N, C-alpha and C. Protein backbone atom coordinates (compact mmCIF):
# COMPACT_ATOMS: atom_id res chain seq x y z
N MET A 1 0.85 -1.19 0.00
CA MET A 1 0.00 0.00 0.00
C MET A 1 0.89 1.24 0.00
N GLY A 2 0.56 2.22 -0.81
CA GLY A 2 1.35 3.43 -0.92
C GLY A 2 1.21 4.29 0.33
N ALA A 3 2.13 5.23 0.46
CA ALA A 3 2.10 6.14 1.62
C ALA A 3 0.87 7.03 1.55
N GLN A 4 0.29 7.29 2.73
CA GLN A 4 -0.92 8.11 2.80
C GLN A 4 -0.55 9.56 2.51
N GLN A 5 -1.32 10.19 1.62
CA GLN A 5 -1.06 11.57 1.26
C GLN A 5 -1.79 12.48 2.24
N HIS A 6 -1.10 13.55 2.66
CA HIS A 6 -1.74 14.51 3.54
C HIS A 6 -1.08 15.87 3.37
N ASN A 7 -1.77 16.89 3.76
CA ASN A 7 -1.25 18.25 3.74
C ASN A 7 -1.34 18.82 5.15
N TRP A 8 -0.35 19.63 5.50
CA TRP A 8 -0.33 20.28 6.80
C TRP A 8 -0.59 21.77 6.63
N THR A 9 -1.48 22.32 7.43
CA THR A 9 -1.71 23.76 7.42
C THR A 9 -1.90 24.22 8.86
N VAL A 10 -1.60 25.49 9.11
CA VAL A 10 -1.87 26.10 10.39
C VAL A 10 -3.11 26.95 10.27
N GLU A 11 -4.10 26.68 11.11
CA GLU A 11 -5.37 27.38 11.01
C GLU A 11 -5.86 27.78 12.38
N PHE A 12 -6.79 28.75 12.36
CA PHE A 12 -7.52 29.12 13.56
C PHE A 12 -8.91 28.55 13.44
N PHE A 13 -9.34 27.84 14.46
CA PHE A 13 -10.62 27.18 14.37
C PHE A 13 -11.35 27.30 15.69
N ASN A 14 -12.63 27.00 15.65
CA ASN A 14 -13.50 27.11 16.82
C ASN A 14 -13.60 25.74 17.47
N GLY A 15 -13.00 25.62 18.65
CA GLY A 15 -13.07 24.36 19.36
C GLY A 15 -13.60 24.56 20.75
N ASN A 16 -14.62 23.83 21.10
CA ASN A 16 -15.22 23.95 22.43
C ASN A 16 -15.60 25.38 22.76
N SER A 17 -16.18 26.07 21.77
CA SER A 17 -16.67 27.43 21.93
C SER A 17 -15.57 28.44 22.20
N ASN A 18 -14.30 28.10 21.89
CA ASN A 18 -13.21 29.04 22.03
C ASN A 18 -12.43 29.13 20.72
N TRP A 19 -11.88 30.29 20.47
CA TRP A 19 -10.96 30.39 19.34
C TRP A 19 -9.68 29.68 19.71
N SER A 20 -9.22 28.81 18.84
CA SER A 20 -8.00 28.06 19.09
C SER A 20 -7.10 28.13 17.87
N CYS A 21 -5.85 27.81 18.08
CA CYS A 21 -4.90 27.75 16.98
C CYS A 21 -4.30 26.36 16.96
N GLY A 22 -4.10 25.80 15.79
CA GLY A 22 -3.54 24.48 15.75
C GLY A 22 -3.10 24.08 14.36
N ILE A 23 -2.56 22.91 14.27
CA ILE A 23 -2.14 22.35 12.99
C ILE A 23 -3.22 21.39 12.51
N VAL A 24 -3.67 21.58 11.28
CA VAL A 24 -4.70 20.73 10.69
C VAL A 24 -4.05 19.87 9.62
N ARG A 25 -4.16 18.55 9.76
CA ARG A 25 -3.63 17.63 8.76
C ARG A 25 -4.80 17.06 7.98
N ARG A 26 -4.83 17.33 6.68
CA ARG A 26 -5.89 16.83 5.83
C ARG A 26 -5.45 15.51 5.18
N LEU A 27 -6.21 14.49 5.47
CA LEU A 27 -5.90 13.16 4.96
C LEU A 27 -6.66 12.91 3.67
N ARG A 28 -6.25 11.89 2.94
CA ARG A 28 -6.94 11.53 1.72
C ARG A 28 -8.35 11.05 2.05
N GLY A 29 -9.30 11.49 1.27
CA GLY A 29 -10.69 11.14 1.50
C GLY A 29 -11.45 12.22 2.24
N GLY A 30 -10.78 13.35 2.50
CA GLY A 30 -11.48 14.47 3.12
C GLY A 30 -11.44 14.47 4.63
N HIS A 31 -10.80 13.49 5.26
CA HIS A 31 -10.74 13.45 6.71
C HIS A 31 -9.71 14.47 7.22
N GLU A 32 -9.91 14.93 8.44
CA GLU A 32 -9.02 15.91 9.03
C GLU A 32 -8.57 15.44 10.41
N HIS A 33 -7.34 15.77 10.74
CA HIS A 33 -6.84 15.56 12.10
C HIS A 33 -6.35 16.90 12.61
N ARG A 34 -6.89 17.36 13.75
CA ARG A 34 -6.53 18.66 14.28
C ARG A 34 -5.73 18.49 15.57
N GLN A 35 -4.64 19.20 15.62
CA GLN A 35 -3.78 19.16 16.80
C GLN A 35 -3.56 20.58 17.28
N GLY A 36 -4.00 20.89 18.50
CA GLY A 36 -3.84 22.24 19.04
C GLY A 36 -2.40 22.54 19.37
N VAL A 37 -2.02 23.78 19.22
CA VAL A 37 -0.68 24.22 19.54
C VAL A 37 -0.78 25.34 20.57
N ARG A 38 -0.36 25.08 21.78
CA ARG A 38 -0.44 26.09 22.82
C ARG A 38 0.72 27.08 22.69
N ASP A 39 0.44 28.34 23.01
CA ASP A 39 1.45 29.38 23.05
C ASP A 39 2.11 29.63 21.70
N LEU A 40 1.48 29.19 20.59
CA LEU A 40 2.01 29.54 19.28
C LEU A 40 1.83 31.02 19.02
N VAL A 41 0.69 31.52 19.42
CA VAL A 41 0.40 32.95 19.30
C VAL A 41 -0.39 33.37 20.52
N TRP A 42 -0.52 34.70 20.71
CA TRP A 42 -1.39 35.21 21.77
C TRP A 42 -2.76 35.40 21.20
N PHE A 43 -3.77 35.02 21.94
CA PHE A 43 -5.13 35.29 21.47
C PHE A 43 -6.05 35.45 22.65
N ALA A 44 -7.17 36.16 22.44
CA ALA A 44 -8.13 36.40 23.52
C ALA A 44 -9.00 35.18 23.67
N ARG A 45 -8.85 34.48 24.80
CA ARG A 45 -9.58 33.23 25.01
C ARG A 45 -10.93 33.56 25.63
N ILE A 46 -11.82 34.08 24.82
CA ILE A 46 -13.14 34.46 25.27
C ILE A 46 -14.16 33.67 24.47
N PRO A 47 -15.16 33.06 25.11
CA PRO A 47 -16.15 32.27 24.38
C PRO A 47 -16.78 33.07 23.25
N LEU A 48 -17.08 32.38 22.16
CA LEU A 48 -17.66 33.05 21.00
C LEU A 48 -18.97 33.71 21.35
N ALA A 49 -19.73 33.12 22.29
CA ALA A 49 -21.02 33.71 22.66
C ALA A 49 -20.84 35.10 23.24
N ASP A 50 -19.65 35.37 23.83
CA ASP A 50 -19.39 36.68 24.41
C ASP A 50 -18.86 37.66 23.37
N ARG A 51 -18.57 37.18 22.16
CA ARG A 51 -17.95 38.03 21.18
C ARG A 51 -18.90 38.36 20.03
N ILE A 52 -20.20 38.13 20.19
CA ILE A 52 -21.16 38.46 19.16
C ILE A 52 -21.13 39.96 18.93
N GLY A 53 -20.96 40.35 17.69
CA GLY A 53 -20.91 41.76 17.36
C GLY A 53 -19.53 42.36 17.50
N GLU A 54 -18.54 41.57 17.95
CA GLU A 54 -17.19 42.07 18.09
C GLU A 54 -16.31 41.41 17.03
N ALA A 55 -15.24 42.08 16.68
CA ALA A 55 -14.31 41.53 15.70
C ALA A 55 -13.51 40.40 16.33
N VAL A 56 -13.12 39.43 15.52
CA VAL A 56 -12.24 38.37 15.99
C VAL A 56 -10.92 39.01 16.37
N PRO A 57 -10.31 38.65 17.50
CA PRO A 57 -9.08 39.31 17.93
C PRO A 57 -7.97 39.18 16.91
N SER A 58 -7.22 40.28 16.73
CA SER A 58 -6.11 40.24 15.80
C SER A 58 -5.00 39.38 16.37
N ILE A 59 -4.37 38.57 15.52
CA ILE A 59 -3.37 37.62 15.96
C ILE A 59 -2.14 37.76 15.08
N SER A 60 -0.98 37.87 15.70
CA SER A 60 0.27 38.00 14.97
C SER A 60 0.91 36.64 14.84
N VAL A 61 0.79 36.02 13.69
CA VAL A 61 1.33 34.68 13.48
C VAL A 61 2.84 34.73 13.58
N GLY A 62 3.38 33.77 14.30
CA GLY A 62 4.83 33.68 14.44
C GLY A 62 5.36 34.42 15.65
N THR A 63 4.53 35.16 16.36
CA THR A 63 4.95 35.86 17.57
C THR A 63 4.39 35.13 18.78
N ALA A 64 5.25 34.49 19.52
CA ALA A 64 4.81 33.70 20.66
C ALA A 64 4.61 34.60 21.87
N LYS A 65 3.37 34.79 22.29
CA LYS A 65 3.06 35.61 23.46
C LYS A 65 2.17 34.81 24.39
N LYS A 66 2.40 35.00 25.68
CA LYS A 66 1.65 34.26 26.67
C LYS A 66 0.22 34.77 26.77
N GLN A 67 -0.61 33.98 27.39
CA GLN A 67 -1.96 34.43 27.69
C GLN A 67 -1.90 35.46 28.81
N MET A 68 -2.69 36.50 28.70
CA MET A 68 -2.69 37.57 29.69
C MET A 68 -3.29 37.07 31.00
N ASN A 69 -2.61 37.31 32.11
CA ASN A 69 -3.12 37.00 33.43
C ASN A 69 -3.89 38.18 34.00
N VAL A 70 -4.82 37.90 34.91
CA VAL A 70 -5.64 38.93 35.52
C VAL A 70 -5.56 38.78 37.03
N PHE A 71 -5.32 39.90 37.72
CA PHE A 71 -5.16 39.91 39.17
C PHE A 71 -6.13 40.91 39.80
N VAL A 72 -6.33 40.75 41.10
CA VAL A 72 -6.94 41.77 41.93
C VAL A 72 -5.91 42.18 42.97
N PHE A 73 -5.64 43.49 43.08
CA PHE A 73 -4.76 44.01 44.13
C PHE A 73 -5.62 44.74 45.14
N GLN A 74 -5.40 44.44 46.42
CA GLN A 74 -6.24 44.97 47.48
C GLN A 74 -5.50 45.98 48.35
N SER A 75 -6.18 47.08 48.66
CA SER A 75 -5.66 48.07 49.60
C SER A 75 -6.65 48.21 50.75
N THR A 76 -6.24 48.97 51.77
CA THR A 76 -7.14 49.32 52.86
C THR A 76 -7.23 50.84 52.92
N PRO A 77 -8.37 51.38 53.31
CA PRO A 77 -8.54 52.84 53.26
C PRO A 77 -7.60 53.61 54.17
N ASP A 78 -7.14 52.99 55.25
CA ASP A 78 -6.24 53.71 56.15
C ASP A 78 -4.82 53.79 55.59
N ARG A 79 -4.47 52.86 54.69
CA ARG A 79 -3.12 52.88 54.12
C ARG A 79 -3.11 53.46 52.70
N TYR A 80 -4.15 53.20 51.93
CA TYR A 80 -4.18 53.68 50.55
C TYR A 80 -5.63 53.71 50.10
N ASP A 81 -6.23 54.88 50.18
CA ASP A 81 -7.65 55.04 49.87
C ASP A 81 -7.81 55.25 48.36
N LEU A 82 -8.33 54.24 47.69
CA LEU A 82 -8.46 54.30 46.24
C LEU A 82 -9.40 55.40 45.78
N ARG A 83 -10.29 55.83 46.63
CA ARG A 83 -11.20 56.91 46.26
C ARG A 83 -10.44 58.20 45.99
N ARG A 84 -9.29 58.36 46.64
CA ARG A 84 -8.48 59.57 46.46
C ARG A 84 -7.22 59.33 45.65
N GLU A 85 -6.68 58.11 45.70
CA GLU A 85 -5.34 57.87 45.16
C GLU A 85 -5.32 57.32 43.73
N LEU A 86 -6.42 56.77 43.26
CA LEU A 86 -6.43 56.15 41.93
C LEU A 86 -6.70 57.23 40.88
N HIS A 87 -5.68 57.51 40.05
CA HIS A 87 -5.80 58.52 38.99
C HIS A 87 -5.34 57.91 37.67
N PRO A 88 -6.23 57.81 36.68
CA PRO A 88 -5.83 57.23 35.39
C PRO A 88 -4.61 57.94 34.79
N GLY A 89 -3.69 57.13 34.30
CA GLY A 89 -2.46 57.64 33.73
C GLY A 89 -1.31 57.69 34.71
N MET A 90 -1.60 57.57 36.00
CA MET A 90 -0.55 57.64 37.01
C MET A 90 0.10 56.27 37.19
N GLU A 91 1.39 56.27 37.44
CA GLU A 91 2.13 55.04 37.72
C GLU A 91 2.36 54.93 39.22
N ASP A 92 2.42 53.68 39.70
CA ASP A 92 2.53 53.46 41.14
C ASP A 92 3.23 52.12 41.36
N THR A 93 3.61 51.85 42.60
CA THR A 93 4.23 50.58 42.97
C THR A 93 3.41 49.93 44.07
N TRP A 94 3.07 48.67 43.89
CA TRP A 94 2.31 47.90 44.87
C TRP A 94 3.17 46.75 45.39
N TYR A 95 2.81 46.28 46.58
CA TYR A 95 3.44 45.07 47.09
C TYR A 95 3.12 43.89 46.17
N ALA A 96 4.11 43.03 45.98
CA ALA A 96 3.93 41.76 45.28
C ALA A 96 4.38 40.67 46.23
N THR A 97 3.49 40.30 47.14
CA THR A 97 3.85 39.36 48.19
C THR A 97 3.73 37.91 47.77
N ARG A 98 3.05 37.65 46.65
CA ARG A 98 2.92 36.29 46.12
C ARG A 98 2.61 36.39 44.64
N TYR A 99 2.65 35.25 43.96
CA TYR A 99 2.41 35.16 42.52
C TYR A 99 3.46 35.93 41.71
N GLN A 100 4.67 36.12 42.25
CA GLN A 100 5.67 36.88 41.50
C GLN A 100 5.98 36.23 40.15
N ASN A 101 5.97 34.90 40.11
CA ASN A 101 6.29 34.21 38.85
C ASN A 101 5.19 34.34 37.81
N GLU A 102 3.98 34.70 38.26
CA GLU A 102 2.86 34.83 37.33
C GLU A 102 2.66 36.27 36.86
N MET A 103 3.36 37.23 37.47
CA MET A 103 3.18 38.65 37.12
C MET A 103 4.13 39.04 36.00
N HIS A 104 3.56 39.62 34.95
CA HIS A 104 4.35 40.04 33.79
C HIS A 104 3.83 41.38 33.28
N PRO A 105 4.70 42.19 32.70
CA PRO A 105 4.23 43.43 32.10
C PRO A 105 3.11 43.18 31.10
N GLY A 106 2.05 43.96 31.21
CA GLY A 106 0.89 43.79 30.34
C GLY A 106 -0.27 43.09 30.99
N ASP A 107 -0.02 42.36 32.08
CA ASP A 107 -1.11 41.70 32.79
C ASP A 107 -2.06 42.74 33.40
N VAL A 108 -3.33 42.39 33.47
CA VAL A 108 -4.36 43.32 33.94
C VAL A 108 -4.53 43.20 35.45
N VAL A 109 -4.74 44.33 36.11
CA VAL A 109 -4.97 44.37 37.55
C VAL A 109 -6.25 45.16 37.83
N PHE A 110 -7.15 44.57 38.59
CA PHE A 110 -8.30 45.29 39.13
C PHE A 110 -7.97 45.71 40.56
N PHE A 111 -8.34 46.94 40.91
CA PHE A 111 -7.97 47.49 42.22
C PHE A 111 -9.16 47.48 43.16
N TRP A 112 -8.96 46.86 44.29
CA TRP A 112 -10.01 46.55 45.26
C TRP A 112 -9.67 47.21 46.59
N MET A 113 -10.65 47.83 47.23
CA MET A 113 -10.44 48.39 48.56
C MET A 113 -11.22 47.60 49.58
N ALA A 114 -10.53 47.18 50.63
CA ALA A 114 -11.14 46.41 51.70
C ALA A 114 -11.87 47.35 52.66
N GLY A 115 -12.59 46.72 53.61
CA GLY A 115 -13.22 47.52 54.65
C GLY A 115 -14.71 47.30 54.74
N ASP A 116 -15.40 48.34 55.17
CA ASP A 116 -16.84 48.29 55.37
C ASP A 116 -17.58 47.95 54.09
N GLU A 117 -18.68 47.22 54.22
CA GLU A 117 -19.44 46.79 53.06
C GLU A 117 -19.99 47.97 52.25
N HIS A 118 -20.06 49.15 52.84
CA HIS A 118 -20.58 50.31 52.12
C HIS A 118 -19.60 50.81 51.06
N PHE A 119 -18.31 50.45 51.19
CA PHE A 119 -17.35 50.90 50.18
C PHE A 119 -16.40 49.79 49.72
N ARG A 120 -16.49 48.61 50.28
CA ARG A 120 -15.63 47.52 49.87
C ARG A 120 -15.95 47.09 48.45
N GLY A 121 -14.93 47.01 47.59
CA GLY A 121 -15.15 46.56 46.22
C GLY A 121 -14.11 47.09 45.25
N LEU A 122 -14.46 47.08 43.98
CA LEU A 122 -13.56 47.44 42.89
C LEU A 122 -13.71 48.92 42.53
N TYR A 123 -12.55 49.57 42.29
CA TYR A 123 -12.55 51.00 41.99
C TYR A 123 -11.97 51.33 40.62
N GLY A 124 -11.38 50.37 39.97
CA GLY A 124 -10.84 50.62 38.64
C GLY A 124 -9.89 49.51 38.24
N TRP A 125 -9.17 49.74 37.15
CA TRP A 125 -8.21 48.74 36.69
C TRP A 125 -7.03 49.42 35.99
N GLY A 126 -5.98 48.65 35.88
CA GLY A 126 -4.79 49.12 35.18
C GLY A 126 -4.00 47.92 34.70
N HIS A 127 -2.72 48.10 34.49
CA HIS A 127 -1.91 46.97 34.04
C HIS A 127 -0.53 47.02 34.70
N ILE A 128 0.07 45.85 34.79
CA ILE A 128 1.42 45.72 35.35
C ILE A 128 2.42 46.26 34.32
N SER A 129 3.38 47.05 34.81
CA SER A 129 4.34 47.67 33.88
C SER A 129 5.78 47.27 34.17
N SER A 130 5.98 46.31 35.07
CA SER A 130 7.34 45.81 35.34
C SER A 130 7.25 44.39 35.84
N ALA A 131 8.38 43.73 35.88
CA ALA A 131 8.46 42.45 36.58
C ALA A 131 8.59 42.75 38.07
N PRO A 132 8.15 41.84 38.94
CA PRO A 132 8.36 42.04 40.38
C PRO A 132 9.85 42.17 40.70
N TYR A 133 10.17 43.01 41.68
CA TYR A 133 11.56 43.24 42.05
C TYR A 133 11.65 43.57 43.53
N LEU A 134 12.84 43.36 44.09
CA LEU A 134 13.09 43.71 45.49
C LEU A 134 13.25 45.23 45.57
N LYS A 135 12.35 45.86 46.32
CA LYS A 135 12.35 47.31 46.42
C LYS A 135 13.07 47.74 47.69
N ALA A 136 13.98 48.66 47.53
CA ALA A 136 14.76 49.13 48.68
C ALA A 136 13.85 49.71 49.76
N GLY A 137 14.07 49.27 50.99
CA GLY A 137 13.30 49.77 52.11
C GLY A 137 12.00 49.04 52.35
N TRP A 138 11.63 48.12 51.47
CA TRP A 138 10.40 47.34 51.63
C TRP A 138 10.75 45.98 52.21
N ASP A 139 9.78 45.37 52.87
CA ASP A 139 9.97 44.03 53.42
C ASP A 139 9.48 42.95 52.46
N SER A 140 9.22 43.32 51.21
CA SER A 140 8.72 42.37 50.22
C SER A 140 9.06 42.88 48.83
N HIS A 141 8.72 42.07 47.84
CA HIS A 141 8.85 42.52 46.46
C HIS A 141 7.82 43.61 46.17
N GLY A 142 8.15 44.41 45.19
CA GLY A 142 7.20 45.37 44.65
C GLY A 142 6.99 45.10 43.17
N VAL A 143 5.93 45.66 42.62
CA VAL A 143 5.68 45.56 41.19
C VAL A 143 5.05 46.89 40.75
N ASP A 144 5.49 47.40 39.62
CA ASP A 144 4.99 48.67 39.12
C ASP A 144 3.71 48.45 38.32
N VAL A 145 2.78 49.39 38.48
CA VAL A 145 1.52 49.34 37.75
C VAL A 145 1.22 50.72 37.17
N LYS A 146 0.34 50.73 36.20
CA LYS A 146 -0.17 51.99 35.66
C LYS A 146 -1.69 51.93 35.72
N TYR A 147 -2.29 52.97 36.30
CA TYR A 147 -3.74 53.04 36.39
C TYR A 147 -4.32 53.47 35.04
N ASP A 148 -5.27 52.72 34.54
CA ASP A 148 -5.90 53.04 33.25
C ASP A 148 -7.30 53.61 33.39
N VAL A 149 -8.10 53.05 34.29
CA VAL A 149 -9.50 53.44 34.40
C VAL A 149 -9.89 53.53 35.87
N LYS A 150 -10.58 54.60 36.23
CA LYS A 150 -11.23 54.70 37.53
C LYS A 150 -12.73 54.68 37.28
N PHE A 151 -13.43 53.77 37.95
CA PHE A 151 -14.86 53.62 37.71
C PHE A 151 -15.62 54.85 38.18
N ALA A 152 -16.67 55.18 37.43
CA ALA A 152 -17.53 56.29 37.83
C ALA A 152 -18.16 56.02 39.19
N ARG A 153 -18.52 54.77 39.41
CA ARG A 153 -19.00 54.32 40.71
C ARG A 153 -18.34 52.98 41.02
N PRO A 154 -17.92 52.78 42.27
CA PRO A 154 -17.29 51.49 42.59
C PRO A 154 -18.26 50.34 42.39
N ILE A 155 -17.72 49.20 42.02
CA ILE A 155 -18.52 47.98 41.93
C ILE A 155 -18.35 47.26 43.26
N LEU A 156 -19.35 47.33 44.09
CA LEU A 156 -19.23 46.88 45.47
C LEU A 156 -19.19 45.35 45.59
N ALA A 157 -18.51 44.91 46.63
CA ALA A 157 -18.34 43.48 46.86
C ALA A 157 -19.68 42.77 47.01
N ARG A 158 -20.63 43.41 47.64
CA ARG A 158 -21.90 42.75 47.88
C ARG A 158 -22.63 42.43 46.59
N SER A 159 -22.37 43.19 45.52
CA SER A 159 -23.00 42.88 44.24
C SER A 159 -22.32 41.71 43.54
N LEU A 160 -21.04 41.48 43.85
CA LEU A 160 -20.31 40.38 43.23
C LEU A 160 -20.66 39.05 43.86
N ARG A 161 -21.06 39.06 45.12
CA ARG A 161 -21.37 37.81 45.81
C ARG A 161 -22.58 37.11 45.23
N HIS A 162 -23.40 37.80 44.50
CA HIS A 162 -24.58 37.18 43.91
C HIS A 162 -24.23 36.33 42.69
N ASP A 163 -23.00 36.45 42.20
CA ASP A 163 -22.55 35.67 41.06
C ASP A 163 -21.82 34.44 41.57
N ALA A 164 -22.24 33.26 41.14
CA ALA A 164 -21.67 32.01 41.65
C ALA A 164 -20.18 31.89 41.34
N VAL A 165 -19.76 32.38 40.19
CA VAL A 165 -18.35 32.28 39.81
C VAL A 165 -17.51 33.27 40.62
N LEU A 166 -17.95 34.51 40.69
CA LEU A 166 -17.17 35.54 41.37
C LEU A 166 -17.20 35.37 42.89
N ALA A 167 -18.26 34.78 43.41
CA ALA A 167 -18.33 34.55 44.85
C ALA A 167 -17.24 33.60 45.33
N ASP A 168 -16.66 32.84 44.40
CA ASP A 168 -15.61 31.89 44.76
C ASP A 168 -14.22 32.50 44.63
N MET A 169 -14.12 33.78 44.32
CA MET A 169 -12.80 34.41 44.25
C MET A 169 -12.10 34.33 45.60
N LEU A 170 -10.79 34.19 45.55
CA LEU A 170 -10.02 34.03 46.78
C LEU A 170 -10.14 35.25 47.69
N ILE A 171 -10.39 36.41 47.13
CA ILE A 171 -10.50 37.61 47.95
C ILE A 171 -11.71 37.56 48.87
N PHE A 172 -12.68 36.70 48.56
CA PHE A 172 -13.80 36.47 49.46
C PHE A 172 -13.49 35.35 50.47
N ARG A 173 -12.78 34.35 50.01
CA ARG A 173 -12.55 33.18 50.87
C ARG A 173 -11.39 33.36 51.83
N ALA A 174 -10.37 34.10 51.43
CA ALA A 174 -9.19 34.34 52.28
C ALA A 174 -8.67 35.74 51.97
N PRO A 175 -9.32 36.77 52.49
CA PRO A 175 -9.05 38.14 52.04
C PRO A 175 -7.82 38.81 52.64
N GLN A 176 -7.09 38.16 53.53
CA GLN A 176 -5.96 38.81 54.19
C GLN A 176 -4.71 38.74 53.32
N ALA A 177 -4.68 39.53 52.27
CA ALA A 177 -3.52 39.58 51.38
C ALA A 177 -3.64 40.79 50.48
N THR A 178 -2.59 41.04 49.69
CA THR A 178 -2.61 42.15 48.73
C THR A 178 -2.92 41.67 47.33
N ASN A 179 -2.36 40.53 46.93
CA ASN A 179 -2.45 40.07 45.55
C ASN A 179 -3.32 38.82 45.44
N PHE A 180 -4.20 38.83 44.47
CA PHE A 180 -5.10 37.70 44.22
C PHE A 180 -5.10 37.39 42.73
N PHE A 181 -4.94 36.11 42.42
CA PHE A 181 -4.91 35.65 41.03
C PHE A 181 -6.29 35.13 40.65
N LEU A 182 -6.79 35.55 39.48
CA LEU A 182 -8.09 35.11 39.01
C LEU A 182 -7.94 33.97 38.02
N SER A 183 -8.81 32.97 38.14
CA SER A 183 -8.86 31.91 37.13
C SER A 183 -9.40 32.49 35.83
N ASP A 184 -9.24 31.75 34.73
CA ASP A 184 -9.76 32.20 33.44
C ASP A 184 -11.26 32.46 33.53
N GLN A 185 -11.98 31.56 34.19
CA GLN A 185 -13.42 31.71 34.29
C GLN A 185 -13.79 32.94 35.10
N GLN A 186 -13.09 33.17 36.20
CA GLN A 186 -13.38 34.34 37.02
C GLN A 186 -13.04 35.63 36.28
N ALA A 187 -11.93 35.64 35.55
CA ALA A 187 -11.53 36.84 34.82
C ALA A 187 -12.56 37.18 33.74
N LYS A 188 -13.01 36.18 33.00
CA LYS A 188 -14.01 36.43 31.95
C LYS A 188 -15.31 36.95 32.54
N ARG A 189 -15.72 36.36 33.65
CA ARG A 189 -16.97 36.80 34.27
C ARG A 189 -16.84 38.22 34.81
N LEU A 190 -15.69 38.54 35.40
CA LEU A 190 -15.50 39.89 35.92
C LEU A 190 -15.48 40.92 34.80
N LEU A 191 -14.84 40.61 33.70
CA LEU A 191 -14.83 41.53 32.56
C LEU A 191 -16.26 41.79 32.07
N ARG A 192 -17.05 40.73 32.01
CA ARG A 192 -18.43 40.89 31.56
C ARG A 192 -19.21 41.76 32.54
N LEU A 193 -19.01 41.54 33.84
CA LEU A 193 -19.74 42.31 34.84
C LEU A 193 -19.35 43.79 34.78
N VAL A 194 -18.06 44.06 34.63
CA VAL A 194 -17.61 45.45 34.52
C VAL A 194 -18.23 46.12 33.30
N ARG A 195 -18.25 45.40 32.20
CA ARG A 195 -18.87 45.94 30.98
C ARG A 195 -20.36 46.18 31.19
N ASP A 196 -21.03 45.28 31.89
CA ASP A 196 -22.47 45.44 32.14
C ASP A 196 -22.76 46.64 33.05
N HIS A 197 -21.77 47.07 33.83
CA HIS A 197 -21.91 48.25 34.66
C HIS A 197 -21.64 49.54 33.89
N GLY A 198 -21.42 49.41 32.59
CA GLY A 198 -21.19 50.59 31.76
C GLY A 198 -19.77 51.11 31.80
N GLU A 199 -18.84 50.33 32.34
CA GLU A 199 -17.45 50.76 32.42
C GLU A 199 -16.64 50.15 31.28
N ARG A 200 -15.57 50.84 30.94
CA ARG A 200 -14.67 50.35 29.90
C ARG A 200 -13.88 49.15 30.42
N VAL A 201 -13.69 48.15 29.58
CA VAL A 201 -12.93 46.97 29.97
C VAL A 201 -11.61 46.95 29.24
N PRO A 202 -10.63 46.22 29.77
CA PRO A 202 -9.30 46.20 29.13
C PRO A 202 -9.36 45.64 27.72
N SER A 203 -8.57 46.23 26.85
CA SER A 203 -8.42 45.71 25.49
C SER A 203 -7.03 45.11 25.35
N VAL A 204 -6.82 44.34 24.28
CA VAL A 204 -5.52 43.72 24.06
C VAL A 204 -4.45 44.78 23.93
N GLU A 205 -4.74 45.84 23.20
CA GLU A 205 -3.73 46.87 22.95
C GLU A 205 -3.34 47.58 24.25
N GLU A 206 -4.33 47.88 25.11
CA GLU A 206 -4.03 48.56 26.36
C GLU A 206 -3.22 47.65 27.28
N ALA A 207 -3.57 46.38 27.29
CA ALA A 207 -2.87 45.46 28.19
C ALA A 207 -1.42 45.26 27.79
N GLN A 208 -1.11 45.43 26.49
CA GLN A 208 0.24 45.20 26.01
C GLN A 208 1.04 46.48 25.86
N SER A 209 0.44 47.63 26.14
CA SER A 209 1.14 48.90 25.99
C SER A 209 2.10 49.14 27.14
């Protein structure tokens, strides 16, 4: 029997309701074998149902970029009152007490203020602008951030608890920390909630600037 003829192509396809990238091998007789390739390119891993009416994310073939991580950084009003201190366009340094290996320039950060339920919640978002580093005079690592958006009204914690996905965020279950890492599911749900509140959400270009 002769060797099986096939062609190899790199394509973007819809798998499990997500945009994916992979190698497609077309076999004789019209059959296909698809093999996903992780980290071949950067792409917005958002379900297609959430992207109705939006353009497919632009993808730079041949440029290997990681998936963007999303964090929540928490302050307290007595040490850093976000109502007064968060100014879009301003750069700042926050403690990076954990997740240092997961923090990279371009990652998105939502800023949360702890305290009384009347003001506890999210006040805006920005992005990480440096790798974590040992900061002189600090007892921990620091990481530089840039504030991009301050919400017209804070999104209070009590409104997030009604969502089954967001209610499981670590900031609710073990809130005594500064840095919190969001799962893909939590990040997607939070972006949708922020958008539903009429606030601007991070874009690929802003996150990578």
